[in-house]
């Protein structure tokens, strides 16, 4: 795959990611039922893939036990990340989520060192990490709309996201499938059953506030969800987990601009300045190179064997 193709997939992912956060926030605001919204997005994506396969328009693998086990972990991580994301948007503004998203390299650099055989960050990256931490602290202090539930859910999201970034990168590189659509089907279909149970337990059918704008936004979110699922798997397979996180952070500038233009519920000017510090720091963060094994080292640790992805091609995206 050429460099232009890799850049194109990453560009499409950035566009989808920027818009998806705003669309989800609007859908939650209009319908009040986050679990139901997420269920509709996931089941519609799975059905699109299945019907496309039945019509011979796309190719997916037959359901296999060898795929069910690893993709069940993928689905659990995927569901946990998106569910915590959508619950965060229910109780907090968009910028609160973005500030935590921008700080993920603070933890990912440590996980890269422990599990993926990377060196610790260099001087430039340490300065960037300090900038992220300072921006995050400044944002929390300036958050006039602080709500404990919002910060609880975004903290849960942060922890699940770290596992999601490491394991899904491993899955994208090492689980052999005929096409990317197989990954899309499993990661969307498997979470539907537990998600439906959550919605029923929470009695969301009694809380929903149907309206024409709400229904239209829900349809748009389902279409965007399917596109987002496909392009995120493609982008994830082209670049490393930390680079994927930084791409996601960078595209949030677009989200902030859209959010400020169409939405009254956003951060203060001080909060936006702190958020910009985080995003700029994340943009200039340099991923640490792989560690060089010493001659006395007999082999990699079990955790490295379990999580280290297959070697990436030079045209799969350059590290910043």
C-alpha atoms as a PDB file:
ATOM      1  CA  UNK A   1       0.000   0.000   0.000  1.00  0.00           C
ATOM      2  CA  UNK A   2       1.500   3.323  -1.078  1.00  0.00           C
ATOM      3  CA  UNK A   3       2.092   6.354   1.066  1.00  0.00           C
ATOM      4  CA  UNK A   4      -0.800   8.212  -0.526  1.00  0.00           C
ATOM      5  CA  UNK A   5      -3.175   5.383   0.347  1.00  0.00           C
ATOM      6  CA  UNK A   6      -2.020   5.324   3.956  1.00  0.00           C
ATOM      7  CA  UNK A   7      -2.333   9.116   4.223  1.00  0.00           C
ATOM      8  CA  UNK A   8      -5.794   8.967   2.629  1.00  0.00           C
ATOM      9  CA  UNK A   9      -7.085   6.404   5.137  1.00  0.00           C
ATOM     10  CA  UNK A  10      -5.703   8.434   8.051  1.00  0.00           C
ATOM     11  CA  UNK A  11      -7.309  11.590   6.635  1.00  0.00           C
ATOM     12  CA  UNK A  12     -10.707   9.910   6.339  1.00  0.00           C
ATOM     13  CA  UNK A  13     -10.346   8.588   9.887  1.00  0.00           C
ATOM     14  CA  UNK A  14      -9.577  12.103  11.168  1.00  0.00           C
ATOM     15  CA  UNK A  15     -12.670  13.523   9.454  1.00  0.00           C
ATOM     16  CA  UNK A  16     -14.937  10.777  10.827  1.00  0.00           C
ATOM     17  CA  UNK A  17     -13.462  11.027  14.318  1.00  0.00           C
ATOM     18  CA  UNK A  18     -13.893  14.817  14.423  1.00  0.00           C
ATOM     19  CA  UNK A  19     -17.553  14.669  13.411  1.00  0.00           C
ATOM     20  CA  UNK A  20     -18.538  11.555  15.380  1.00  0.00           C
ATOM     21  CA  UNK A  21     -17.990  13.163  18.781  1.00  0.00           C
ATOM     22  CA  UNK A  22     -20.271  16.098  17.919  1.00  0.00           C
ATOM     23  CA  UNK A  23     -22.964  13.849  16.398  1.00  0.00           C
ATOM     24  CA  UNK A  24     -22.985  11.599  19.470  1.00  0.00           C
ATOM     25  CA  UNK A  25     -23.298  14.615  21.768  1.00  0.00           C
ATOM     26  CA  UNK A  26     -26.272  15.900  19.744  1.00  0.00           C
ATOM     27  CA  UNK A  27     -27.936  12.455  19.702  1.00  0.00           C
ATOM     28  CA  UNK A  28     -27.595  12.115  23.494  1.00  0.00           C
ATOM     29  CA  UNK A  29     -28.915  15.658  24.021  1.00  0.00           C
ATOM     30  CA  UNK A  30     -31.989  15.026  21.853  1.00  0.00           C
ATOM     31  CA  UNK A  31     -32.838  11.412  22.780  1.00  0.00           C
ATOM     32  CA  UNK A  32     -31.475  11.058  26.364  1.00  0.00           C
ATOM     33  CA  UNK A  33     -30.690   7.322  25.912  1.00  0.00           C
ATOM     34  CA  UNK A  34     -26.935   6.688  25.401  1.00  0.00           C
ATOM     35  CA  UNK A  35     -27.081   2.866  25.534  1.00  0.00           C
ATOM     36  CA  UNK A  36     -29.882   2.717  22.954  1.00  0.00           C
ATOM     37  CA  UNK A  37     -28.012   5.097  20.650  1.00  0.00           C
ATOM     38  CA  UNK A  38     -24.871   2.977  20.854  1.00  0.00           C
ATOM     39  CA  UNK A  39     -26.846  -0.246  20.311  1.00  0.00           C
ATOM     40  CA  UNK A  40     -28.433   1.211  17.153  1.00  0.00           C
ATOM     41  CA  UNK A  41     -25.017   2.241  15.846  1.00  0.00           C
ATOM     42  CA  UNK A  42     -23.433  -1.161  16.468  1.00  0.00           C
ATOM     43  CA  UNK A  43     -26.293  -3.368  15.213  1.00  0.00           C
ATOM     44  CA  UNK A  44     -26.757  -1.252  12.072  1.00  0.00           C
ATOM     45  CA  UNK A  45     -23.027  -1.550  11.273  1.00  0.00           C
ATOM     46  CA  UNK A  46     -23.120  -5.332  11.801  1.00  0.00           C
ATOM     47  CA  UNK A  47     -26.237  -5.696   9.617  1.00  0.00           C
ATOM     48  CA  UNK A  48     -24.731  -3.572   6.828  1.00  0.00           C
ATOM     49  CA  UNK A  49     -21.687  -5.859   6.759  1.00  0.00           C
ATOM     50  CA  UNK A  50     -23.778  -9.055   6.894  1.00  0.00           C
ATOM     51  CA  UNK A  51     -26.208  -8.006   4.149  1.00  0.00           C
ATOM     52  CA  UNK A  52     -23.317  -6.758   2.020  1.00  0.00           C
ATOM     53  CA  UNK A  53     -21.709 -10.172   2.379  1.00  0.00           C
ATOM     54  CA  UNK A  54     -24.973 -11.970   1.490  1.00  0.00           C
ATOM     55  CA  UNK A  55     -25.269  -9.814  -1.646  1.00  0.00           C
ATOM     56  CA  UNK A  56     -21.617 -10.623  -2.543  1.00  0.00           C
ATOM     57  CA  UNK A  57     -20.756  -6.934  -2.405  1.00  0.00           C
ATOM     58  CA  UNK A  58     -18.102  -7.449   0.281  1.00  0.00           C
ATOM     59  CA  UNK A  59     -16.183 -10.453   1.580  1.00  0.00           C
ATOM     60  CA  UNK A  60     -16.057 -11.531   5.218  1.00  0.00           C
ATOM     61  CA  UNK A  61     -14.827 -14.686   6.931  1.00  0.00           C
ATOM     62  CA  UNK A  62     -17.164 -17.426   8.091  1.00  0.00           C
ATOM     63  CA  UNK A  63     -17.762 -17.421  11.840  1.00  0.00           C
ATOM     64  CA  UNK A  64     -14.915 -19.412  13.411  1.00  0.00           C
ATOM     65  CA  UNK A  65     -14.078 -20.303  17.008  1.00  0.00           C
ATOM     66  CA  UNK A  66     -10.488 -19.190  16.355  1.00  0.00           C
ATOM     67  CA  UNK A  67     -11.863 -15.711  15.660  1.00  0.00           C
ATOM     68  CA  UNK A  68     -14.516 -15.651  18.385  1.00  0.00           C
ATOM     69  CA  UNK A  69     -12.072 -15.864  21.288  1.00  0.00           C
ATOM     70  CA  UNK A  70      -9.753 -12.948  20.378  1.00  0.00           C
ATOM     71  CA  UNK A  71     -12.565 -10.847  18.915  1.00  0.00           C
ATOM     72  CA  UNK A  72     -14.583 -11.319  22.127  1.00  0.00           C
ATOM     73  CA  UNK A  73     -11.759  -9.500  23.919  1.00  0.00           C
ATOM     74  CA  UNK A  74     -11.713  -6.918  21.126  1.00  0.00           C
ATOM     75  CA  UNK A  75     -15.482  -6.495  21.439  1.00  0.00           C
ATOM     76  CA  UNK A  76     -15.312  -6.117  25.227  1.00  0.00           C
ATOM     77  CA  UNK A  77     -12.595  -3.447  24.959  1.00  0.00           C
ATOM     78  CA  UNK A  78     -14.422  -1.751  22.078  1.00  0.00           C
ATOM     79  CA  UNK A  79     -17.737  -1.718  23.976  1.00  0.00           C
ATOM     80  CA  UNK A  80     -16.131  -0.523  27.190  1.00  0.00           C
ATOM     81  CA  UNK A  81     -14.375   2.340  25.421  1.00  0.00           C
ATOM     82  CA  UNK A  82     -17.386   3.538  23.436  1.00  0.00           C
ATOM     83  CA  UNK A  83     -19.870   3.075  26.301  1.00  0.00           C
ATOM     84  CA  UNK A  84     -17.675   5.065  28.717  1.00  0.00           C
ATOM     85  CA  UNK A  85     -17.200   7.653  25.946  1.00  0.00           C
ATOM     86  CA  UNK A  86     -20.917   8.104  25.398  1.00  0.00           C
ATOM     87  CA  UNK A  87     -21.657   8.202  29.160  1.00  0.00           C
ATOM     88  CA  UNK A  88     -18.973  10.894  29.527  1.00  0.00           C
ATOM     89  CA  UNK A  89     -20.756  12.977  26.883  1.00  0.00           C
ATOM     90  CA  UNK A  90     -24.014  12.536  28.818  1.00  0.00           C
ATOM     91  CA  UNK A  91     -22.597  14.205  31.947  1.00  0.00           C
ATOM     92  CA  UNK A  92     -19.752  16.408  30.690  1.00  0.00           C
ATOM     93  CA  UNK A  93     -18.981  18.709  27.773  1.00  0.00           C
ATOM     94  CA  UNK A  94     -17.005  17.702  24.703  1.00  0.00           C
ATOM     95  CA  UNK A  95     -13.829  19.464  25.835  1.00  0.00           C
ATOM     96  CA  UNK A  96     -13.685  17.446  29.074  1.00  0.00           C
ATOM     97  CA  UNK A  97     -13.495  14.268  27.008  1.00  0.00           C
ATOM     98  CA  UNK A  98     -10.919  15.751  24.629  1.00  0.00           C
ATOM     99  CA  UNK A  99      -8.620  16.844  27.483  1.00  0.00           C
ATOM    100  CA  UNK A 100      -8.422  13.256  28.739  1.00  0.00           C
ATOM    101  CA  UNK A 101      -8.019  12.009  25.156  1.00  0.00           C
ATOM    102  CA  UNK A 102      -5.100  14.371  24.647  1.00  0.00           C
ATOM    103  CA  UNK A 103      -3.357  13.048  27.768  1.00  0.00           C
ATOM    104  CA  UNK A 104      -3.337   9.385  26.711  1.00  0.00           C
ATOM    105  CA  UNK A 105       0.346   9.536  25.577  1.00  0.00           C
ATOM    106  CA  UNK A 106       1.264  10.150  29.249  1.00  0.00           C
ATOM    107  CA  UNK A 107       0.309   6.558  29.991  1.00  0.00           C
ATOM    108  CA  UNK A 108       0.869   5.011  26.558  1.00  0.00           C
ATOM    109  CA  UNK A 109       4.575   5.841  26.615  1.00  0.00           C
ATOM    110  CA  UNK A 110       4.906   3.775  29.810  1.00  0.00           C
ATOM    111  CA  UNK A 111       2.869   0.897  28.356  1.00  0.00           C
ATOM    112  CA  UNK A 112       4.985   1.008  25.198  1.00  0.00           C
ATOM    113  CA  UNK A 113       8.078   0.669  27.400  1.00  0.00           C
ATOM    114  CA  UNK A 114       6.650  -2.234  29.435  1.00  0.00           C
ATOM    115  CA  UNK A 115       4.840  -4.253  26.765  1.00  0.00           C
ATOM    116  CA  UNK A 116       6.062  -3.183  23.321  1.00  0.00           C
ATOM    117  CA  UNK A 117       9.810  -2.931  23.875  1.00  0.00           C
ATOM    118  CA  UNK A 118      10.097   0.834  23.360  1.00  0.00           C
ATOM    119  CA  UNK A 119      12.592   3.174  25.010  1.00  0.00           C
ATOM    120  CA  UNK A 120      11.434   5.806  27.473  1.00  0.00           C
ATOM    121  CA  UNK A 121      10.564   9.184  25.896  1.00  0.00           C
ATOM    122  CA  UNK A 122      13.384  11.546  24.916  1.00  0.00           C
ATOM    123  CA  UNK A 123      13.892  15.132  26.101  1.00  0.00           C
ATOM    124  CA  UNK A 124      11.510  16.681  23.568  1.00  0.00           C
ATOM    125  CA  UNK A 125       8.804  14.145  24.351  1.00  0.00           C
ATOM    126  CA  UNK A 126       9.221  14.631  28.117  1.00  0.00           C
ATOM    127  CA  UNK A 127       8.643  18.373  27.621  1.00  0.00           C
ATOM    128  CA  UNK A 128       5.537  17.555  25.585  1.00  0.00           C
ATOM    129  CA  UNK A 129       4.283  15.229  28.334  1.00  0.00           C
ATOM    130  CA  UNK A 130       4.816  17.993  30.898  1.00  0.00           C
ATOM    131  CA  UNK A 131       2.823  20.338  28.653  1.00  0.00           C
ATOM    132  CA  UNK A 132      -0.033  17.817  28.467  1.00  0.00           C
ATOM    133  CA  UNK A 133      -0.062  17.404  32.245  1.00  0.00           C
ATOM    134  CA  UNK A 134       0.005  21.183  32.824  1.00  0.00           C
ATOM    135  CA  UNK A 135      -2.781  21.752  30.305  1.00  0.00           C
ATOM    136  CA  UNK A 136      -4.924  19.036  31.868  1.00  0.00           C
ATOM    137  CA  UNK A 137      -4.487  20.430  35.388  1.00  0.00           C
ATOM    138  CA  UNK A 138      -5.267  23.946  34.168  1.00  0.00           C
ATOM    139  CA  UNK A 139      -8.396  22.725  32.413  1.00  0.00           C
ATOM    140  CA  UNK A 140      -9.737  20.871  35.475  1.00  0.00           C
ATOM    141  CA  UNK A 141      -9.196  23.975  37.648  1.00  0.00           C
ATOM    142  CA  UNK A 142     -11.033  26.185  35.117  1.00  0.00           C
ATOM    143  CA  UNK A 143     -13.973  23.787  34.587  1.00  0.00           C
ATOM    144  CA  UNK A 144     -17.017  25.661  35.884  1.00  0.00           C
ATOM    145  CA  UNK A 145     -19.361  22.849  34.833  1.00  0.00           C
ATOM    146  CA  UNK A 146     -17.528  20.220  36.909  1.00  0.00           C
ATOM    147  CA  UNK A 147     -19.719  17.179  37.595  1.00  0.00           C
ATOM    148  CA  UNK A 148     -18.442  14.142  39.491  1.00  0.00           C
ATOM    149  CA  UNK A 149     -20.264  11.639  37.244  1.00  0.00           C
ATOM    150  CA  UNK A 150     -18.678  13.115  34.149  1.00  0.00           C
ATOM    151  CA  UNK A 151     -15.159  12.817  35.560  1.00  0.00           C
ATOM    152  CA  UNK A 152     -15.891   9.320  36.890  1.00  0.00           C
ATOM    153  CA  UNK A 153     -16.940   8.089  33.450  1.00  0.00           C
ATOM    154  CA  UNK A 154     -14.079   9.788  31.626  1.00  0.00           C
ATOM    155  CA  UNK A 155     -11.625   8.212  34.128  1.00  0.00           C
ATOM    156  CA  UNK A 156     -13.150   4.788  33.392  1.00  0.00           C
ATOM    157  CA  UNK A 157     -12.854   5.555  29.676  1.00  0.00           C
ATOM    158  CA  UNK A 158      -9.170   6.484  30.093  1.00  0.00           C
ATOM    159  CA  UNK A 159      -8.286   3.136  31.708  1.00  0.00           C
ATOM    160  CA  UNK A 160     -10.243   1.031  29.202  1.00  0.00           C
ATOM    161  CA  UNK A 161      -8.886   3.074  26.298  1.00  0.00           C
ATOM    162  CA  UNK A 162      -5.288   2.262  27.226  1.00  0.00           C
ATOM    163  CA  UNK A 163      -6.007  -1.468  27.039  1.00  0.00           C
ATOM    164  CA  UNK A 164      -8.020  -0.918  23.870  1.00  0.00           C
ATOM    165  CA  UNK A 165      -5.131   0.867  22.131  1.00  0.00           C
ATOM    166  CA  UNK A 166      -2.591  -1.847  22.941  1.00  0.00           C
ATOM    167  CA  UNK A 167      -4.715  -4.944  22.355  1.00  0.00           C
ATOM    168  CA  UNK A 168      -6.581  -3.737  19.256  1.00  0.00           C
ATOM    169  CA  UNK A 169      -3.278  -2.842  17.598  1.00  0.00           C
ATOM    170  CA  UNK A 170      -2.128  -6.383  18.381  1.00  0.00           C
ATOM    171  CA  UNK A 171      -5.392  -7.782  16.953  1.00  0.00           C
ATOM    172  CA  UNK A 172      -5.181  -5.671  13.782  1.00  0.00           C
ATOM    173  CA  UNK A 173      -1.694  -7.011  13.063  1.00  0.00           C
ATOM    174  CA  UNK A 174      -1.951 -10.626  14.176  1.00  0.00           C
ATOM    175  CA  UNK A 175      -5.511 -11.947  13.698  1.00  0.00           C
ATOM    176  CA  UNK A 176      -5.590 -13.182  10.106  1.00  0.00           C
ATOM    177  CA  UNK A 177      -8.812 -12.304   8.240  1.00  0.00           C
ATOM    178  CA  UNK A 178      -9.861 -12.145   4.583  1.00  0.00           C
ATOM    179  CA  UNK A 179     -10.805  -8.480   4.726  1.00  0.00           C
ATOM    180  CA  UNK A 180     -11.151  -5.553   7.112  1.00  0.00           C
ATOM    181  CA  UNK A 181     -14.938  -6.051   7.024  1.00  0.00           C
ATOM    182  CA  UNK A 182     -14.537  -9.171   9.193  1.00  0.00           C
ATOM    183  CA  UNK A 183     -13.045  -7.039  11.963  1.00  0.00           C
ATOM    184  CA  UNK A 184     -15.883  -4.527  11.557  1.00  0.00           C
ATOM    185  CA  UNK A 185     -18.529  -7.286  11.841  1.00  0.00           C
ATOM    186  CA  UNK A 186     -17.127  -8.929  14.964  1.00  0.00           C
ATOM    187  CA  UNK A 187     -16.338  -5.708  16.816  1.00  0.00           C
ATOM    188  CA  UNK A 188     -19.876  -4.380  16.200  1.00  0.00           C
ATOM    189  CA  UNK A 189     -21.973  -7.565  16.486  1.00  0.00           C
ATOM    190  CA  UNK A 190     -20.495  -9.162  19.626  1.00  0.00           C
ATOM    191  CA  UNK A 191     -21.121  -6.173  21.958  1.00  0.00           C
ATOM    192  CA  UNK A 192     -24.818  -5.917  20.991  1.00  0.00           C
ATOM    193  CA  UNK A 193     -26.143  -8.535  23.447  1.00  0.00           C
ATOM    194  CA  UNK A 194     -24.587  -7.060  26.630  1.00  0.00           C
ATOM    195  CA  UNK A 195     -25.410  -3.550  25.430  1.00  0.00           C
ATOM    196  CA  UNK A 196     -29.095  -4.450  24.932  1.00  0.00           C
ATOM    197  CA  UNK A 197     -29.149  -5.885  28.462  1.00  0.00           C
ATOM    198  CA  UNK A 198     -27.675  -2.636  29.840  1.00  0.00           C
ATOM    199  CA  UNK A 199     -30.357  -0.594  28.072  1.00  0.00           C
ATOM    200  CA  UNK A 200     -33.169  -2.796  29.422  1.00  0.00           C
ATOM    201  CA  UNK A 201     -31.732  -2.761  32.947  1.00  0.00           C
ATOM    202  CA  UNK A 202     -31.519   1.040  32.839  1.00  0.00           C
ATOM    203  CA  UNK A 203     -35.143   1.227  31.494  1.00  0.00           C
ATOM    204  CA  UNK A 204     -34.090   3.532  28.687  1.00  0.00           C
ATOM    205  CA  UNK A 205     -37.263   2.722  26.741  1.00  0.00           C
ATOM    206  CA  UNK A 206     -39.116   4.816  29.340  1.00  0.00           C
ATOM    207  CA  UNK A 207     -36.678   7.736  29.088  1.00  0.00           C
ATOM    208  CA  UNK A 208     -36.418   8.196  25.321  1.00  0.00           C
ATOM    209  CA  UNK A 209     -37.702  11.503  23.903  1.00  0.00           C
ATOM    210  CA  UNK A 210     -38.464  10.848  20.232  1.00  0.00           C
ATOM    211  CA  UNK A 211     -38.544  13.747  17.791  1.00  0.00           C
ATOM    212  CA  UNK A 212     -37.879  14.199  14.085  1.00  0.00           C
ATOM    213  CA  UNK A 213     -34.503  15.942  14.636  1.00  0.00           C
ATOM    214  CA  UNK A 214     -33.540  13.233  17.132  1.00  0.00           C
ATOM    215  CA  UNK A 215     -34.457  10.431  14.718  1.00  0.00           C
ATOM    216  CA  UNK A 216     -32.507  12.084  11.889  1.00  0.00           C
ATOM    217  CA  UNK A 217     -29.423  12.562  14.066  1.00  0.00           C
ATOM    218  CA  UNK A 218     -29.700   8.911  15.144  1.00  0.00           C
ATOM    219  CA  UNK A 219     -29.716   7.774  11.488  1.00  0.00           C
ATOM    220  CA  UNK A 220     -26.714   9.978  10.727  1.00  0.00           C
ATOM    221  CA  UNK A 221     -24.879   8.612  13.776  1.00  0.00           C
ATOM    222  CA  UNK A 222     -25.534   5.028  12.614  1.00  0.00           C
ATOM    223  CA  UNK A 223     -24.110   5.778   9.155  1.00  0.00           C
ATOM    224  CA  UNK A 224     -21.122   7.569  10.700  1.00  0.00           C
ATOM    225  CA  UNK A 225     -20.641   4.693  13.148  1.00  0.00           C
ATOM    226  CA  UNK A 226     -20.312   2.173  10.310  1.00  0.00           C
ATOM    227  CA  UNK A 227     -17.843   4.400   8.448  1.00  0.00           C
ATOM    228  CA  UNK A 228     -15.893   5.123  11.632  1.00  0.00           C
ATOM    229  CA  UNK A 229     -15.611   1.422  12.484  1.00  0.00           C
ATOM    230  CA  UNK A 230     -14.167   0.556   9.075  1.00  0.00           C
ATOM    231  CA  UNK A 231     -11.715   3.432   8.687  1.00  0.00           C
ATOM    232  CA  UNK A 232     -10.483   3.202  12.298  1.00  0.00           C
ATOM    233  CA  UNK A 233      -9.518  -0.460  11.772  1.00  0.00           C
ATOM    234  CA  UNK A 234      -7.768   0.486   8.523  1.00  0.00           C
ATOM    235  CA  UNK A 235      -5.883   3.379  10.131  1.00  0.00           C
ATOM    236  CA  UNK A 236      -4.997   1.256  13.163  1.00  0.00           C
ATOM    237  CA  UNK A 237      -3.419  -1.376  10.908  1.00  0.00           C
ATOM    238  CA  UNK A 238      -1.254   1.251   9.173  1.00  0.00           C
ATOM    239  CA  UNK A 239       0.370   2.990  12.151  1.00  0.00           C
ATOM    240  CA  UNK A 240       1.528   2.214  15.693  1.00  0.00           C
ATOM    241  CA  UNK A 241      -0.755   2.505  18.726  1.00  0.00           C
ATOM    242  CA  UNK A 242       0.857   5.711  20.027  1.00  0.00           C
ATOM    243  CA  UNK A 243       0.845   7.298  16.558  1.00  0.00           C
ATOM    244  CA  UNK A 244      -2.829   6.324  16.201  1.00  0.00           C
ATOM    245  CA  UNK A 245      -3.573   8.038  19.515  1.00  0.00           C
ATOM    246  CA  UNK A 246      -1.732  11.193  18.434  1.00  0.00           C
ATOM    247  CA  UNK A 247      -3.619  11.285  15.112  1.00  0.00           C
ATOM    248  CA  UNK A 248      -6.847  11.088  17.097  1.00  0.00           C
ATOM    249  CA  UNK A 249      -5.689  13.915  19.360  1.00  0.00           C
ATOM    250  CA  UNK A 250      -4.691  16.166  16.462  1.00  0.00           C
ATOM    251  CA  UNK A 251      -8.033  15.898  14.686  1.00  0.00           C
ATOM    252  CA  UNK A 252      -9.830  17.113  17.824  1.00  0.00           C
ATOM    253  CA  UNK A 253      -8.954  20.682  16.799  1.00  0.00           C
ATOM    254  CA  UNK A 254     -11.672  20.296  14.151  1.00  0.00           C
ATOM    255  CA  UNK A 255     -14.069  19.002  16.802  1.00  0.00           C
ATOM    256  CA  UNK A 256     -13.405  22.022  19.033  1.00  0.00           C
ATOM    257  CA  UNK A 257     -14.076  24.487  16.201  1.00  0.00           C
ATOM    258  CA  UNK A 258     -17.351  22.772  15.241  1.00  0.00           C
ATOM    259  CA  UNK A 259     -18.399  22.492  18.893  1.00  0.00           C
ATOM    260  CA  UNK A 260     -17.844  26.198  19.545  1.00  0.00           C
ATOM    261  CA  UNK A 261     -19.776  27.179  16.409  1.00  0.00           C
ATOM    262  CA  UNK A 262     -22.929  25.091  16.980  1.00  0.00           C
ATOM    263  CA  UNK A 263     -23.039  24.447  20.730  1.00  0.00           C
ATOM    264  CA  UNK A 264     -23.419  26.662  23.794  1.00  0.00           C
ATOM    265  CA  UNK A 265     -22.321  23.974  26.260  1.00  0.00           C
ATOM    266  CA  UNK A 266     -18.542  24.183  25.889  1.00  0.00           C
ATOM    267  CA  UNK A 267     -15.517  25.150  27.935  1.00  0.00           C
ATOM    268  CA  UNK A 268     -14.520  28.661  29.011  1.00  0.00           C
ATOM    269  CA  UNK A 269     -11.821  30.599  27.107  1.00  0.00           C
ATOM    270  CA  UNK A 270      -9.309  29.601  29.818  1.00  0.00           C
ATOM    271  CA  UNK A 271     -10.348  25.962  29.456  1.00  0.00           C
ATOM    272  CA  UNK A 272      -9.991  26.134  25.670  1.00  0.00           C
ATOM    273  CA  UNK A 273      -6.501  27.639  26.053  1.00  0.00           C
ATOM    274  CA  UNK A 274      -5.466  24.798  28.389  1.00  0.00           C
ATOM    275  CA  UNK A 275      -6.951  22.292  25.961  1.00  0.00           C
ATOM    276  CA  UNK A 276      -4.951  23.835  23.113  1.00  0.00           C
ATOM    277  CA  UNK A 277      -1.752  23.422  25.167  1.00  0.00           C
ATOM    278  CA  UNK A 278      -2.566  19.717  25.547  1.00  0.00           C
ATOM    279  CA  UNK A 279      -3.288  19.200  21.861  1.00  0.00           C
ATOM    280  CA  UNK A 280      -0.215  21.091  20.661  1.00  0.00           C
ATOM    281  CA  UNK A 281       1.953  19.120  23.101  1.00  0.00           C
ATOM    282  CA  UNK A 282       0.406  15.863  21.875  1.00  0.00           C
ATOM    283  CA  UNK A 283       1.044  16.875  18.257  1.00  0.00           C
ATOM    284  CA  UNK A 284       4.781  17.443  18.830  1.00  0.00           C
ATOM    285  CA  UNK A 285       5.252  14.333  20.971  1.00  0.00           C
ATOM    286  CA  UNK A 286       7.812  11.945  19.429  1.00  0.00           C
ATOM    287  CA  UNK A 287       7.306   8.219  19.886  1.00  0.00           C
ATOM    288  CA  UNK A 288      10.290   6.520  21.502  1.00  0.00           C
ATOM    289  CA  UNK A 289      12.299   4.119  19.291  1.00  0.00           C
ATOM    290  CA  UNK A 290      12.506   0.371  20.030  1.00  0.00           C
ATOM    291  CA  UNK A 291      14.940  -0.745  22.714  1.00  0.00           C
ATOM    292  CA  UNK A 292      18.066  -2.570  21.570  1.00  0.00           C
ATOM    293  CA  UNK A 293      18.377  -5.944  23.281  1.00  0.00           C
ATOM    294  CA  UNK A 294      21.623  -6.532  25.167  1.00  0.00           C
ATOM    295  CA  UNK A 295      23.787  -9.547  24.167  1.00  0.00           C
ATOM    296  CA  UNK A 296      23.035 -11.234  27.495  1.00  0.00           C
ATOM    297  CA  UNK A 297      19.298 -10.985  26.926  1.00  0.00           C
ATOM    298  CA  UNK A 298      18.128 -14.422  25.839  1.00  0.00           C
ATOM    299  CA  UNK A 299      14.755 -13.390  24.545  1.00  0.00           C
ATOM    300  CA  UNK A 300      11.787 -11.084  24.962  1.00  0.00           C
ATOM    301  CA  UNK A 301       9.563 -11.223  28.001  1.00  0.00           C
ATOM    302  CA  UNK A 302       6.277 -13.155  27.782  1.00  0.00           C
ATOM    303  CA  UNK A 303       4.322  -9.904  27.829  1.00  0.00           C
ATOM    304  CA  UNK A 304       6.320  -8.588  24.890  1.00  0.00           C
ATOM    305  CA  UNK A 305       5.695 -11.799  22.951  1.00  0.00           C
ATOM    306  CA  UNK A 306       1.995 -11.523  23.673  1.00  0.00           C
ATOM    307  CA  UNK A 307       1.598  -7.913  22.656  1.00  0.00           C
ATOM    308  CA  UNK A 308       4.369  -7.033  20.212  1.00  0.00           C
ATOM    309  CA  UNK A 309       2.868  -6.466  16.731  1.00  0.00           C
ATOM    310  CA  UNK A 310       4.359  -7.857  13.562  1.00  0.00           C
ATOM    311  CA  UNK A 311       6.956  -5.571  11.919  1.00  0.00           C
ATOM    312  CA  UNK A 312       5.345  -2.670  10.117  1.00  0.00           C
ATOM    313  CA  UNK A 313       6.255  -1.668   6.574  1.00  0.00           C
ATOM    314  CA  UNK A 314       7.882   1.704   6.013  1.00  0.00           C
ATOM    315  CA  UNK A 315       4.912   2.795   3.881  1.00  0.00           C
ATOM    316  CA  UNK A 316       2.470   2.083   6.705  1.00  0.00           C
ATOM    317  CA  UNK A 317       2.901   5.547   8.171  1.00  0.00           C
ATOM    318  CA  UNK A 318       5.973   7.254   9.547  1.00  0.00           C
ATOM    319  CA  UNK A 319       6.387   7.909  13.246  1.00  0.00           C
ATOM    320  CA  UNK A 320       6.479  11.560  14.216  1.00  0.00           C
END
